[in-house]
Amino acid sequence: MTLKEAIQKADFQRPNLIDEEIKAHWVMSLECEIAELMKIDIPECLWPDDQELLMPSPKDEIYVLYLMSKIDLTNEEVDVYQNDAVTANQAITEAKQWWYRLYGNPTAKYVRV
């Protein structure tokens, strides 16, 4: 998934007036956590250029879920935010565990295709 795709998918599910650059930086804050997990350099936010995100499919939905929770928080949709935050945090934890099981040992190689 690319950065712009994540933003578009979140915007479709949570229409909002938040600047796309802000949402790009939110995604990149999560991307820093993913880069740490993968033991690679923290990627630079290239906004407004598009960039491929690190977590591969099928776990790349974490970016959309995370964005939706941040949009809800910003819009002060507290009840929706609480549900979305739990869902996003669960998905992020599961995605990190999935990645680590597949690629986390020192002999495994992570190859992006």
PDB file of N, CA and C in Angstrom:
ATOM      1  N   MET A   1       0.858  -1.174   0.000  1.00  0.00           N
ATOM      2  CA  MET A   1       0.000   0.000   0.000  1.00  0.00           C
ATOM      3  C   MET A   1       0.900   1.231   0.000  1.00  0.00           C
ATOM      4  N   THR A   2       0.448   2.248  -0.681  1.00  0.00           N
ATOM      5  CA  THR A   2       1.203   3.492  -0.684  1.00  0.00           C
ATOM      6  C   THR A   2       0.603   4.459   0.341  1.00  0.00           C
ATOM      7  N   LEU A   3       1.343   5.493   0.625  1.00  0.00           N
ATOM      8  CA  LEU A   3       0.891   6.518   1.560  1.00  0.00           C
ATOM      9  C   LEU A   3      -0.411   7.153   1.073  1.00  0.00           C
ATOM     10  N   LYS A   4      -0.461   7.499  -0.196  1.00  0.00           N
ATOM     11  CA  LYS A   4      -1.675   8.130  -0.734  1.00  0.00           C
ATOM     12  C   LYS A   4      -2.865   7.171  -0.718  1.00  0.00           C
ATOM     13  N   GLU A   5      -2.634   5.899  -0.980  1.00  0.00           N
ATOM     14  CA  GLU A   5      -3.727   4.921  -0.922  1.00  0.00           C
ATOM     15  C   GLU A   5      -4.291   4.818   0.492  1.00  0.00           C
ATOM     16  N   ALA A   6      -3.415   4.809   1.483  1.00  0.00           N
ATOM     17  CA  ALA A   6      -3.868   4.737   2.870  1.00  0.00           C
ATOM     18  C   ALA A   6      -4.733   5.943   3.223  1.00  0.00           C
ATOM     19  N   ILE A   7      -4.297   7.111   2.814  1.00  0.00           N
ATOM     20  CA  ILE A   7      -5.056   8.331   3.087  1.00  0.00           C
ATOM     21  C   ILE A   7      -6.399   8.297   2.372  1.00  0.00           C
ATOM     22  N   GLN A   8      -6.408   7.887   1.119  1.00  0.00           N
ATOM     23  CA  GLN A   8      -7.660   7.826   0.356  1.00  0.00           C
ATOM     24  C   GLN A   8      -8.651   6.849   0.985  1.00  0.00           C
ATOM     25  N   LYS A   9      -8.162   5.692   1.404  1.00  0.00           N
ATOM     26  CA  LYS A   9      -9.048   4.693   2.011  1.00  0.00           C
ATOM     27  C   LYS A   9      -9.616   5.189   3.338  1.00  0.00           C
ATOM     28  N   ALA A  10      -8.788   5.834   4.143  1.00  0.00           N
ATOM     29  CA  ALA A  10      -9.268   6.373   5.420  1.00  0.00           C
ATOM     30  C   ALA A  10     -10.263   7.508   5.187  1.00  0.00           C
ATOM     31  N   ASP A  11      -9.967   8.375   4.221  1.00  0.00           N
ATOM     32  CA  ASP A  11     -10.877   9.482   3.912  1.00  0.00           C
ATOM     33  C   ASP A  11     -12.227   8.979   3.413  1.00  0.00           C
ATOM     34  N   PHE A  12     -12.222   7.880   2.671  1.00  0.00           N
ATOM     35  CA  PHE A  12     -13.472   7.313   2.172  1.00  0.00           C
ATOM     36  C   PHE A  12     -14.340   6.839   3.336  1.00  0.00           C
ATOM     37  N   GLN A  13     -13.700   6.236   4.336  1.00  0.00           N
ATOM     38  CA  GLN A  13     -14.448   5.702   5.478  1.00  0.00           C
ATOM     39  C   GLN A  13     -14.752   6.757   6.537  1.00  0.00           C
ATOM     40  N   ARG A  14     -13.912   7.768   6.611  1.00  0.00           N
ATOM     41  CA  ARG A  14     -14.103   8.847   7.578  1.00  0.00           C
ATOM     42  C   ARG A  14     -13.926  10.192   6.861  1.00  0.00           C
ATOM     43  N   PRO A  15     -14.949  10.640   6.125  1.00  0.00           N
ATOM     44  CA  PRO A  15     -14.823  11.937   5.446  1.00  0.00           C
ATOM     45  C   PRO A  15     -14.431  13.018   6.454  1.00  0.00           C
ATOM     46  N   ASN A  16     -13.506  13.874   6.035  1.00  0.00           N
ATOM     47  CA  ASN A  16     -12.969  14.875   6.965  1.00  0.00           C
ATOM     48  C   ASN A  16     -12.375  16.045   6.200  1.00  0.00           C
ATOM     49  N   LEU A  17     -12.021  17.094   6.937  1.00  0.00           N
ATOM     50  CA  LEU A  17     -11.413  18.287   6.342  1.00  0.00           C
ATOM     51  C   LEU A  17      -9.964  18.454   6.777  1.00  0.00           C
ATOM     52  N   ILE A  18      -9.367  17.418   7.318  1.00  0.00           N
ATOM     53  CA  ILE A  18      -7.986  17.483   7.811  1.00  0.00           C
ATOM     54  C   ILE A  18      -7.036  17.489   6.623  1.00  0.00           C
ATOM     55  N   ASP A  19      -6.046  18.340   6.685  1.00  0.00           N
ATOM     56  CA  ASP A  19      -5.058  18.463   5.620  1.00  0.00           C
ATOM     57  C   ASP A  19      -4.340  17.134   5.378  1.00  0.00           C
ATOM     58  N   GLU A  20      -4.158  16.789   4.117  1.00  0.00           N
ATOM     59  CA  GLU A  20      -3.516  15.521   3.776  1.00  0.00           C
ATOM     60  C   GLU A  20      -2.074  15.444   4.279  1.00  0.00           C
ATOM     61  N   GLU A  21      -1.401  16.555   4.356  1.00  0.00           N
ATOM     62  CA  GLU A  21      -0.023  16.546   4.853  1.00  0.00           C
ATOM     63  C   GLU A  21       0.020  16.114   6.323  1.00  0.00           C
ATOM     64  N   ILE A  22      -0.946  16.549   7.098  1.00  0.00           N
ATOM     65  CA  ILE A  22      -1.028  16.131   8.501  1.00  0.00           C
ATOM     66  C   ILE A  22      -1.245  14.623   8.569  1.00  0.00           C
ATOM     67  N   LYS A  23      -2.169  14.124   7.747  1.00  0.00           N
ATOM     68  CA  LYS A  23      -2.427  12.680   7.741  1.00  0.00           C
ATOM     69  C   LYS A  23      -1.196  11.906   7.284  1.00  0.00           C
ATOM     70  N   ALA A  24      -0.446  12.450   6.345  1.00  0.00           N
ATOM     71  CA  ALA A  24       0.786  11.793   5.890  1.00  0.00           C
ATOM     72  C   ALA A  24       1.774  11.680   7.047  1.00  0.00           C
ATOM     73  N   HIS A  25       1.890  12.718   7.842  1.00  0.00           N
ATOM     74  CA  HIS A  25       2.806  12.670   8.989  1.00  0.00           C
ATOM     75  C   HIS A  25       2.318  11.703  10.062  1.00  0.00           C
ATOM     76  N   TRP A  26       1.017  11.579  10.220  1.00  0.00           N
ATOM     77  CA  TRP A  26       0.488  10.579  11.153  1.00  0.00           C
ATOM     78  C   TRP A  26       0.886   9.175  10.707  1.00  0.00           C
ATOM     79  N   VAL A  27       0.697   8.898   9.420  1.00  0.00           N
ATOM     80  CA  VAL A  27       1.068   7.579   8.898  1.00  0.00           C
ATOM     81  C   VAL A  27       2.563   7.343   9.091  1.00  0.00           C
ATOM     82  N   MET A  28       3.364   8.352   8.855  1.00  0.00           N
ATOM     83  CA  MET A  28       4.810   8.183   8.962  1.00  0.00           C
ATOM     84  C   MET A  28       5.242   7.984  10.412  1.00  0.00           C
ATOM     85  N   SER A  29       4.467   8.452  11.376  1.00  0.00           N
ATOM     86  CA  SER A  29       4.803   8.165  12.776  1.00  0.00           C
ATOM     87  C   SER A  29       4.627   6.670  13.055  1.00  0.00           C
ATOM     88  N   LEU A  30       3.594   6.066  12.496  1.00  0.00           N
ATOM     89  CA  LEU A  30       3.425   4.620  12.602  1.00  0.00           C
ATOM     90  C   LEU A  30       4.524   3.916  11.809  1.00  0.00           C
ATOM     91  N   GLU A  31       4.880   4.457  10.671  1.00  0.00           N
ATOM     92  CA  GLU A  31       5.926   3.870   9.829  1.00  0.00           C
ATOM     93  C   GLU A  31       7.264   3.809  10.571  1.00  0.00           C
ATOM     94  N   CYS A  32       7.517   4.761  11.447  1.00  0.00           N
ATOM     95  CA  CYS A  32       8.740   4.730  12.264  1.00  0.00           C
ATOM     96  C   CYS A  32       8.756   3.499  13.169  1.00  0.00           C
ATOM     97  N   GLU A  33       7.619   3.169  13.756  1.00  0.00           N
ATOM     98  CA  GLU A  33       7.530   1.966  14.589  1.00  0.00           C
ATOM     99  C   GLU A  33       7.794   0.709  13.761  1.00  0.00           C
ATOM    100  N   ILE A  34       7.249   0.687  12.558  1.00  0.00           N
ATOM    101  CA  ILE A  34       7.429  -0.475  11.690  1.00  0.00           C
ATOM    102  C   ILE A  34       8.900  -0.586  11.277  1.00  0.00           C
ATOM    103  N   ALA A  35       9.523   0.522  10.972  1.00  0.00           N
ATOM    104  CA  ALA A  35      10.944   0.505  10.593  1.00  0.00           C
ATOM    105  C   ALA A  35      11.804  -0.003  11.744  1.00  0.00           C
ATOM    106  N   GLU A  36      11.476   0.396  12.966  1.00  0.00           N
ATOM    107  CA  GLU A  36      12.209  -0.108  14.138  1.00  0.00           C
ATOM    108  C   GLU A  36      12.072  -1.614  14.258  1.00  0.00           C
ATOM    109  N   LEU A  37      10.864  -2.124  14.078  1.00  0.00           N
ATOM    110  CA  LEU A  37      10.616  -3.555  14.123  1.00  0.00           C
ATOM    111  C   LEU A  37      11.471  -4.274  13.079  1.00  0.00           C
ATOM    112  N   MET A  38      11.539  -3.694  11.889  1.00  0.00           N
ATOM    113  CA  MET A  38      12.265  -4.315  10.783  1.00  0.00           C
ATOM    114  C   MET A  38      13.771  -4.071  10.846  1.00  0.00           C
ATOM    115  N   LYS A  39      14.163  -3.255  11.843  1.00  0.00           N
ATOM    116  CA  LYS A  39      15.582  -2.920  12.025  1.00  0.00           C
ATOM    117  C   LYS A  39      16.179  -2.294  10.769  1.00  0.00           C
ATOM    118  N   ILE A  40      15.432  -1.326  10.231  1.00  0.00           N
ATOM    119  CA  ILE A  40      15.912  -0.579   9.076  1.00  0.00           C
ATOM    120  C   ILE A  40      15.854   0.910   9.409  1.00  0.00           C
ATOM    121  N   ASP A  41      16.496   1.713   8.575  1.00  0.00           N
ATOM    122  CA  ASP A  41      16.489   3.155   8.796  1.00  0.00           C
ATOM    123  C   ASP A  41      15.069   3.700   8.734  1.00  0.00           C
ATOM    124  N   ILE A  42      14.803   4.667   9.575  1.00  0.00           N
ATOM    125  CA  ILE A  42      13.486   5.294   9.606  1.00  0.00           C
ATOM    126  C   ILE A  42      13.297   6.070   8.310  1.00  0.00           C
ATOM    127  N   PRO A  43      12.220   5.763   7.588  1.00  0.00           N
ATOM    128  CA  PRO A  43      12.010   6.429   6.296  1.00  0.00           C
ATOM    129  C   PRO A  43      11.619   7.892   6.468  1.00  0.00           C
ATOM    130  N   GLU A  44      12.010   8.664   5.513  1.00  0.00           N
ATOM    131  CA  GLU A  44      11.683  10.082   5.476  1.00  0.00           C
ATOM    132  C   GLU A  44      10.306  10.249   4.846  1.00  0.00           C
ATOM    133  N   CYS A  45       9.540  11.206   5.341  1.00  0.00           N
ATOM    134  CA  CYS A  45       8.240  11.503   4.745  1.00  0.00           C
ATOM    135  C   CYS A  45       8.486  12.315   3.476  1.00  0.00           C
ATOM    136  N   LEU A  46       8.088  11.776   2.341  1.00  0.00           N
ATOM    137  CA  LEU A  46       8.341  12.420   1.054  1.00  0.00           C
ATOM    138  C   LEU A  46       7.130  13.189   0.525  1.00  0.00           C
ATOM    139  N   TRP A  47       6.152  13.429   1.394  1.00  0.00           N
ATOM    140  CA  TRP A  47       4.936  14.107   0.979  1.00  0.00           C
ATOM    141  C   TRP A  47       5.269  15.417   0.298  1.00  0.00           C
ATOM    142  N   PRO A  48       4.655  15.803  -0.806  1.00  0.00           N
ATOM    143  CA  PRO A  48       3.458  15.243  -1.414  1.00  0.00           C
ATOM    144  C   PRO A  48       3.731  14.095  -2.399  1.00  0.00           C
ATOM    145  N   ASP A  49       4.987  13.700  -2.555  1.00  0.00           N
ATOM    146  CA  ASP A  49       5.255  12.528  -3.395  1.00  0.00           C
ATOM    147  C   ASP A  49       4.705  11.291  -2.700  1.00  0.00           C
ATOM    148  N   ASP A  50       4.299  10.323  -3.488  1.00  0.00           N
ATOM    149  CA  ASP A  50       3.779   9.079  -2.936  1.00  0.00           C
ATOM    150  C   ASP A  50       4.945   8.163  -2.596  1.00  0.00           C
ATOM    151  N   GLN A  51       4.739   7.290  -1.653  1.00  0.00           N
ATOM    152  CA  GLN A  51       5.767   6.317  -1.311  1.00  0.00           C
ATOM    153  C   GLN A  51       5.122   5.036  -0.821  1.00  0.00           C
ATOM    154  N   GLU A  52       5.814   3.939  -1.087  1.00  0.00           N
ATOM    155  CA  GLU A  52       5.355   2.620  -0.654  1.00  0.00           C
ATOM    156  C   GLU A  52       5.591   2.504   0.848  1.00  0.00           C
ATOM    157  N   LEU A  53       4.614   1.969   1.563  1.00  0.00           N
ATOM    158  CA  LEU A  53       4.740   1.784   3.003  1.00  0.00           C
ATOM    159  C   LEU A  53       5.371   0.425   3.297  1.00  0.00           C
ATOM    160  N   LEU A  54       5.965   0.290   4.475  1.00  0.00           N
ATOM    161  CA  LEU A  54       6.781  -0.877   4.785  1.00  0.00           C
ATOM    162  C   LEU A  54       6.005  -2.162   5.063  1.00  0.00           C
ATOM    163  N   MET A  55       4.904  -2.070   5.802  1.00  0.00           N
ATOM    164  CA  MET A  55       4.194  -3.294   6.179  1.00  0.00           C
ATOM    165  C   MET A  55       3.508  -3.870   4.940  1.00  0.00           C
ATOM    166  N   PRO A  56       3.853  -5.112   4.588  1.00  0.00           N
ATOM    167  CA  PRO A  56       3.276  -5.696   3.376  1.00  0.00           C
ATOM    168  C   PRO A  56       1.846  -6.193   3.587  1.00  0.00           C
ATOM    169  N   SER A  57       1.187  -6.432   2.471  1.00  0.00           N
ATOM    170  CA  SER A  57      -0.121  -7.065   2.495  1.00  0.00           C
ATOM    171  C   SER A  57       0.068  -8.492   3.009  1.00  0.00           C
ATOM    172  N   PRO A  58      -0.800  -9.018   3.767  1.00  0.00           N
ATOM    173  CA  PRO A  58      -2.165  -8.585   4.039  1.00  0.00           C
ATOM    174  C   PRO A  58      -2.303  -7.738   5.293  1.00  0.00           C
ATOM    175  N   LYS A  59      -1.217  -7.331   5.892  1.00  0.00           N
ATOM    176  CA  LYS A  59      -1.284  -6.597   7.162  1.00  0.00           C
ATOM    177  C   LYS A  59      -1.205  -5.083   6.988  1.00  0.00           C
ATOM    178  N   ASP A  60      -1.202  -4.594   5.769  1.00  0.00           N
ATOM    179  CA  ASP A  60      -1.065  -3.163   5.531  1.00  0.00           C
ATOM    180  C   ASP A  60      -2.307  -2.348   5.881  1.00  0.00           C
ATOM    181  N   GLU A  61      -3.394  -3.013   6.254  1.00  0.00           N
ATOM    182  CA  GLU A  61      -4.597  -2.286   6.659  1.00  0.00           C
ATOM    183  C   GLU A  61      -4.379  -1.496   7.949  1.00  0.00           C
ATOM    184  N   ILE A  62      -3.275  -1.766   8.637  1.00  0.00           N
ATOM    185  CA  ILE A  62      -2.989  -1.038   9.876  1.00  0.00           C
ATOM    186  C   ILE A  62      -2.914   0.462   9.648  1.00  0.00           C
ATOM    187  N   TYR A  63      -2.419   0.871   8.488  1.00  0.00           N
ATOM    188  CA  TYR A  63      -2.277   2.301   8.207  1.00  0.00           C
ATOM    189  C   TYR A  63      -3.648   2.976   8.112  1.00  0.00           C
ATOM    190  N   VAL A  64      -4.590   2.330   7.488  1.00  0.00           N
ATOM    191  CA  VAL A  64      -5.943   2.883   7.345  1.00  0.00           C
ATOM    192  C   VAL A  64      -6.633   2.928   8.707  1.00  0.00           C
ATOM    193  N   LEU A  65      -6.539   1.838   9.460  1.00  0.00           N
ATOM    194  CA  LEU A  65      -7.162   1.798  10.790  1.00  0.00           C
ATOM    195  C   LEU A  65      -6.566   2.859  11.711  1.00  0.00           C
ATOM    196  N   TYR A  66      -5.254   3.031  11.657  1.00  0.00           N
ATOM    197  CA  TYR A  66      -4.586   4.034  12.475  1.00  0.00           C
ATOM    198  C   TYR A  66      -5.057   5.435  12.086  1.00  0.00           C
ATOM    199  N   LEU A  67      -5.100   5.698  10.793  1.00  0.00           N
ATOM    200  CA  LEU A  67      -5.570   7.005  10.324  1.00  0.00           C
ATOM    201  C   LEU A  67      -7.003   7.280  10.745  1.00  0.00           C
ATOM    202  N   MET A  68      -7.869   6.289  10.630  1.00  0.00           N
ATOM    203  CA  MET A  68      -9.258   6.477  11.022  1.00  0.00           C
ATOM    204  C   MET A  68      -9.364   6.859  12.503  1.00  0.00           C
ATOM    205  N   SER A  69      -8.558   6.225  13.348  1.00  0.00           N
ATOM    206  CA  SER A  69      -8.611   6.564  14.771  1.00  0.00           C
ATOM    207  C   SER A  69      -8.097   7.988  15.013  1.00  0.00           C
ATOM    208  N   LYS A  70      -7.053   8.387  14.289  1.00  0.00           N
ATOM    209  CA  LYS A  70      -6.529   9.755  14.448  1.00  0.00           C
ATOM    210  C   LYS A  70      -7.544  10.792  13.952  1.00  0.00           C
ATOM    211  N   ILE A  71      -8.235  10.488  12.872  1.00  0.00           N
ATOM    212  CA  ILE A  71      -9.272  11.387  12.359  1.00  0.00           C
ATOM    213  C   ILE A  71     -10.386  11.530  13.386  1.00  0.00           C
ATOM    214  N   ASP A  72     -10.831  10.412  13.954  1.00  0.00           N
ATOM    215  CA  ASP A  72     -11.882  10.457  14.983  1.00  0.00           C
ATOM    216  C   ASP A  72     -11.454  11.287  16.187  1.00  0.00           C
ATOM    217  N   LEU A  73     -10.223  11.112  16.623  1.00  0.00           N
ATOM    218  CA  LEU A  73      -9.725  11.871  17.768  1.00  0.00           C
ATOM    219  C   LEU A  73      -9.704  13.365  17.461  1.00  0.00           C
ATOM    220  N   THR A  74      -9.203  13.712  16.297  1.00  0.00           N
ATOM    221  CA  THR A  74      -9.129  15.118  15.903  1.00  0.00           C
ATOM    222  C   THR A  74     -10.517  15.744  15.797  1.00  0.00           C
ATOM    223  N   ASN A  75     -11.467  14.968  15.312  1.00  0.00           N
ATOM    224  CA  ASN A  75     -12.841  15.462  15.174  1.00  0.00           C
ATOM    225  C   ASN A  75     -13.651  15.340  16.463  1.00  0.00           C
ATOM    226  N   GLU A  76     -12.993  14.923  17.535  1.00  0.00           N
ATOM    227  CA  GLU A  76     -13.603  14.800  18.852  1.00  0.00           C
ATOM    228  C   GLU A  76     -14.800  13.846  18.855  1.00  0.00           C
ATOM    229  N   GLU A  77     -14.700  12.805  18.050  1.00  0.00           N
ATOM    230  CA  GLU A  77     -15.691  11.729  18.028  1.00  0.00           C
ATOM    231  C   GLU A  77     -15.226  10.675  19.030  1.00  0.00           C
ATOM    232  N   VAL A  78     -15.401  10.975  20.305  1.00  0.00           N
ATOM    233  CA  VAL A  78     -14.772  10.203  21.376  1.00  0.00           C
ATOM    234  C   VAL A  78     -15.199   8.738  21.386  1.00  0.00           C
ATOM    235  N   ASP A  79     -16.479   8.473  21.284  1.00  0.00           N
ATOM    236  CA  ASP A  79     -16.939   7.077  21.323  1.00  0.00           C
ATOM    237  C   ASP A  79     -16.403   6.281  20.138  1.00  0.00           C
ATOM    238  N   VAL A  80     -16.470   6.872  18.960  1.00  0.00           N
ATOM    239  CA  VAL A  80     -15.964   6.196  17.762  1.00  0.00           C
ATOM    240  C   VAL A  80     -14.453   6.031  17.872  1.00  0.00           C
ATOM    241  N   TYR A  81     -13.772   7.076  18.370  1.00  0.00           N
ATOM    242  CA  TYR A  81     -12.319   7.008  18.534  1.00  0.00           C
ATOM    243  C   TYR A  81     -11.919   5.840  19.428  1.00  0.00           C
ATOM    244  N   GLN A  82     -12.611   5.682  20.549  1.00  0.00           N
ATOM    245  CA  GLN A  82     -12.245   4.616  21.480  1.00  0.00           C
ATOM    246  C   GLN A  82     -12.338   3.245  20.815  1.00  0.00           C
ATOM    247  N   ASN A  83     -13.382   3.024  20.055  1.00  0.00           N
ATOM    248  CA  ASN A  83     -13.517   1.752  19.343  1.00  0.00           C
ATOM    249  C   ASN A  83     -12.446   1.599  18.269  1.00  0.00           C
ATOM    250  N   ASP A  84     -12.228   2.659  17.497  1.00  0.00           N
ATOM    251  CA  ASP A  84     -11.225   2.598  16.431  1.00  0.00           C
ATOM    252  C   ASP A  84      -9.819   2.457  16.975  1.00  0.00           C
ATOM    253  N   ALA A  85      -9.535   3.094  18.103  1.00  0.00           N
ATOM    254  CA  ALA A  85      -8.200   2.994  18.693  1.00  0.00           C
ATOM    255  C   ALA A  85      -7.910   1.564  19.142  1.00  0.00           C
ATOM    256  N   VAL A  86      -8.895   0.923  19.753  1.00  0.00           N
ATOM    257  CA  VAL A  86      -8.719  -0.469  20.176  1.00  0.00           C
ATOM    258  C   VAL A  86      -8.491  -1.356  18.948  1.00  0.00           C
ATOM    259  N   THR A  87      -9.312  -1.167  17.934  1.00  0.00           N
ATOM    260  CA  THR A  87      -9.183  -1.958  16.712  1.00  0.00           C
ATOM    261  C   THR A  87      -7.829  -1.734  16.052  1.00  0.00           C
ATOM    262  N   ALA A  88      -7.409  -0.480  15.935  1.00  0.00           N
ATOM    263  CA  ALA A  88      -6.126  -0.163  15.309  1.00  0.00           C
ATOM    264  C   ALA A  88      -4.964  -0.732  16.113  1.00  0.00           C
ATOM    265  N   ASN A  89      -4.993  -0.553  17.421  1.00  0.00           N
ATOM    266  CA  ASN A  89      -3.898  -1.062  18.257  1.00  0.00           C
ATOM    267  C   ASN A  89      -3.803  -2.584  18.187  1.00  0.00           C
ATOM    268  N   GLN A  90      -4.941  -3.245  18.167  1.00  0.00           N
ATOM    269  CA  GLN A  90      -4.950  -4.705  18.034  1.00  0.00           C
ATOM    270  C   GLN A  90      -4.357  -5.138  16.697  1.00  0.00           C
ATOM    271  N   ALA A  91      -4.764  -4.467  15.633  1.00  0.00           N
ATOM    272  CA  ALA A  91      -4.270  -4.806  14.296  1.00  0.00           C
ATOM    273  C   ALA A  91      -2.771  -4.533  14.171  1.00  0.00           C
ATOM    274  N   ILE A  92      -2.309  -3.440  14.769  1.00  0.00           N
ATOM    275  CA  ILE A  92      -0.885  -3.104  14.725  1.00  0.00           C
ATOM    276  C   ILE A  92      -0.074  -4.153  15.477  1.00  0.00           C
ATOM    277  N   THR A  93      -0.544  -4.535  16.651  1.00  0.00           N
ATOM    278  CA  THR A  93       0.141  -5.571  17.424  1.00  0.00           C
ATOM    279  C   THR A  93       0.192  -6.878  16.653  1.00  0.00           C
ATOM    280  N   GLU A  94      -0.936  -7.279  16.070  1.00  0.00           N
ATOM    281  CA  GLU A  94      -0.985  -8.520  15.297  1.00  0.00           C
ATOM    282  C   GLU A  94      -0.066  -8.452  14.077  1.00  0.00           C
ATOM    283  N   ALA A  95      -0.034  -7.301  13.402  1.00  0.00           N
ATOM    284  CA  ALA A  95       0.821  -7.148  12.222  1.00  0.00           C
ATOM    285  C   ALA A  95       2.293  -7.235  12.603  1.00  0.00           C
ATOM    286  N   LYS A  96       2.646  -6.617  13.711  1.00  0.00           N
ATOM    287  CA  LYS A  96       4.045  -6.690  14.173  1.00  0.00           C
ATOM    288  C   LYS A  96       4.430  -8.125  14.525  1.00  0.00           C
ATOM    289  N   GLN A  97       3.535  -8.822  15.208  1.00  0.00           N
ATOM    290  CA  GLN A  97       3.810 -10.221  15.565  1.00  0.00           C
ATOM    291  C   GLN A  97       3.918 -11.092  14.311  1.00  0.00           C
ATOM    292  N   TRP A  98       3.032 -10.863  13.364  1.00  0.00           N
ATOM    293  CA  TRP A  98       3.061 -11.607  12.101  1.00  0.00           C
ATOM    294  C   TRP A  98       4.389 -11.384  11.384  1.00  0.00           C
ATOM    295  N   TRP A  99       4.781 -10.124  11.272  1.00  0.00           N
ATOM    296  CA  TRP A  99       6.035  -9.818  10.571  1.00  0.00           C
ATOM    297  C   TRP A  99       7.209 -10.469  11.296  1.00  0.00           C
ATOM    298  N   TYR A 100       7.217 -10.365  12.612  1.00  0.00           N
ATOM    299  CA  TYR A 100       8.340 -10.925  13.369  1.00  0.00           C
ATOM    300  C   TYR A 100       8.409 -12.441  13.217  1.00  0.00           C
ATOM    301  N   ARG A 101       7.249 -13.099  13.222  1.00  0.00           N
ATOM    302  CA  ARG A 101       7.256 -14.554  13.026  1.00  0.00           C
ATOM    303  C   ARG A 101       7.843 -14.931  11.668  1.00  0.00           C
ATOM    304  N   LEU A 102       7.540 -14.155  10.632  1.00  0.00           N
ATOM    305  CA  LEU A 102       8.013 -14.476   9.291  1.00  0.00           C
ATOM    306  C   LEU A 102       9.445 -14.022   9.025  1.00  0.00           C
ATOM    307  N   TYR A 103       9.796 -12.841   9.525  1.00  0.00           N
ATOM    308  CA  TYR A 103      11.057 -12.228   9.117  1.00  0.00           C
ATOM    309  C   TYR A 103      11.967 -11.804  10.266  1.00  0.00           C
ATOM    310  N   GLY A 104      11.521 -12.015  11.496  1.00  0.00           N
ATOM    311  CA  GLY A 104      12.227 -11.442  12.630  1.00  0.00           C
ATOM    312  C   GLY A 104      13.502 -12.122  13.052  1.00  0.00           C
ATOM    313  N   ASN A 105      13.719 -13.353  12.630  1.00  0.00           N
ATOM    314  CA  ASN A 105      14.948 -13.987  13.082  1.00  0.00           C
ATOM    315  C   ASN A 105      16.118 -13.532  12.207  1.00  0.00           C
ATOM    316  N   PRO A 106      17.327 -13.576  12.741  1.00  0.00           N
ATOM    317  CA  PRO A 106      18.485 -13.015  12.040  1.00  0.00           C
ATOM    318  C   PRO A 106      18.814 -13.703  10.709  1.00  0.00           C
ATOM    319  N   THR A 107      18.366 -14.918  10.513  1.00  0.00           N
ATOM    320  CA  THR A 107      18.706 -15.600   9.262  1.00  0.00           C
ATOM    321  C   THR A 107      17.667 -15.358   8.178  1.00  0.00           C
ATOM    322  N   ALA A 108      16.503 -14.856   8.553  1.00  0.00           N
ATOM    323  CA  ALA A 108      15.466 -14.591   7.550  1.00  0.00           C
ATOM    324  C   ALA A 108      15.759 -13.276   6.852  1.00  0.00           C
ATOM    325  N   LYS A 109      15.359 -13.169   5.631  1.00  0.00           N
ATOM    326  CA  LYS A 109      15.534 -11.937   4.856  1.00  0.00           C
ATOM    327  C   LYS A 109      14.155 -11.402   4.497  1.00  0.00           C
ATOM    328  N   TYR A 110      13.981 -10.114   4.704  1.00  0.00           N
ATOM    329  CA  TYR A 110      12.736  -9.468   4.296  1.00  0.00           C
ATOM    330  C   TYR A 110      12.967  -8.900   2.905  1.00  0.00           C
ATOM    331  N   VAL A 111      12.192  -9.356   1.963  1.00  0.00           N
ATOM    332  CA  VAL A 111      12.325  -8.887   0.597  1.00  0.00           C
ATOM    333  C   VAL A 111      11.001  -8.298   0.160  1.00  0.00           C
ATOM    334  N   ARG A 112      11.003  -7.041  -0.187  1.00  0.00           N
ATOM    335  CA  ARG A 112       9.790  -6.396  -0.649  1.00  0.00           C
ATOM    336  C   ARG A 112       9.646  -6.660  -2.146  1.00  0.00           C
ATOM    337  N   VAL A 113       8.464  -7.089  -2.546  1.00  0.00           N
ATOM    338  CA  VAL A 113       8.215  -7.341  -3.973  1.00  0.00           C
ATOM    339  C   VAL A 113       7.219  -6.342  -4.524  1.00  0.00           C
TER     340      VAL A 113
END
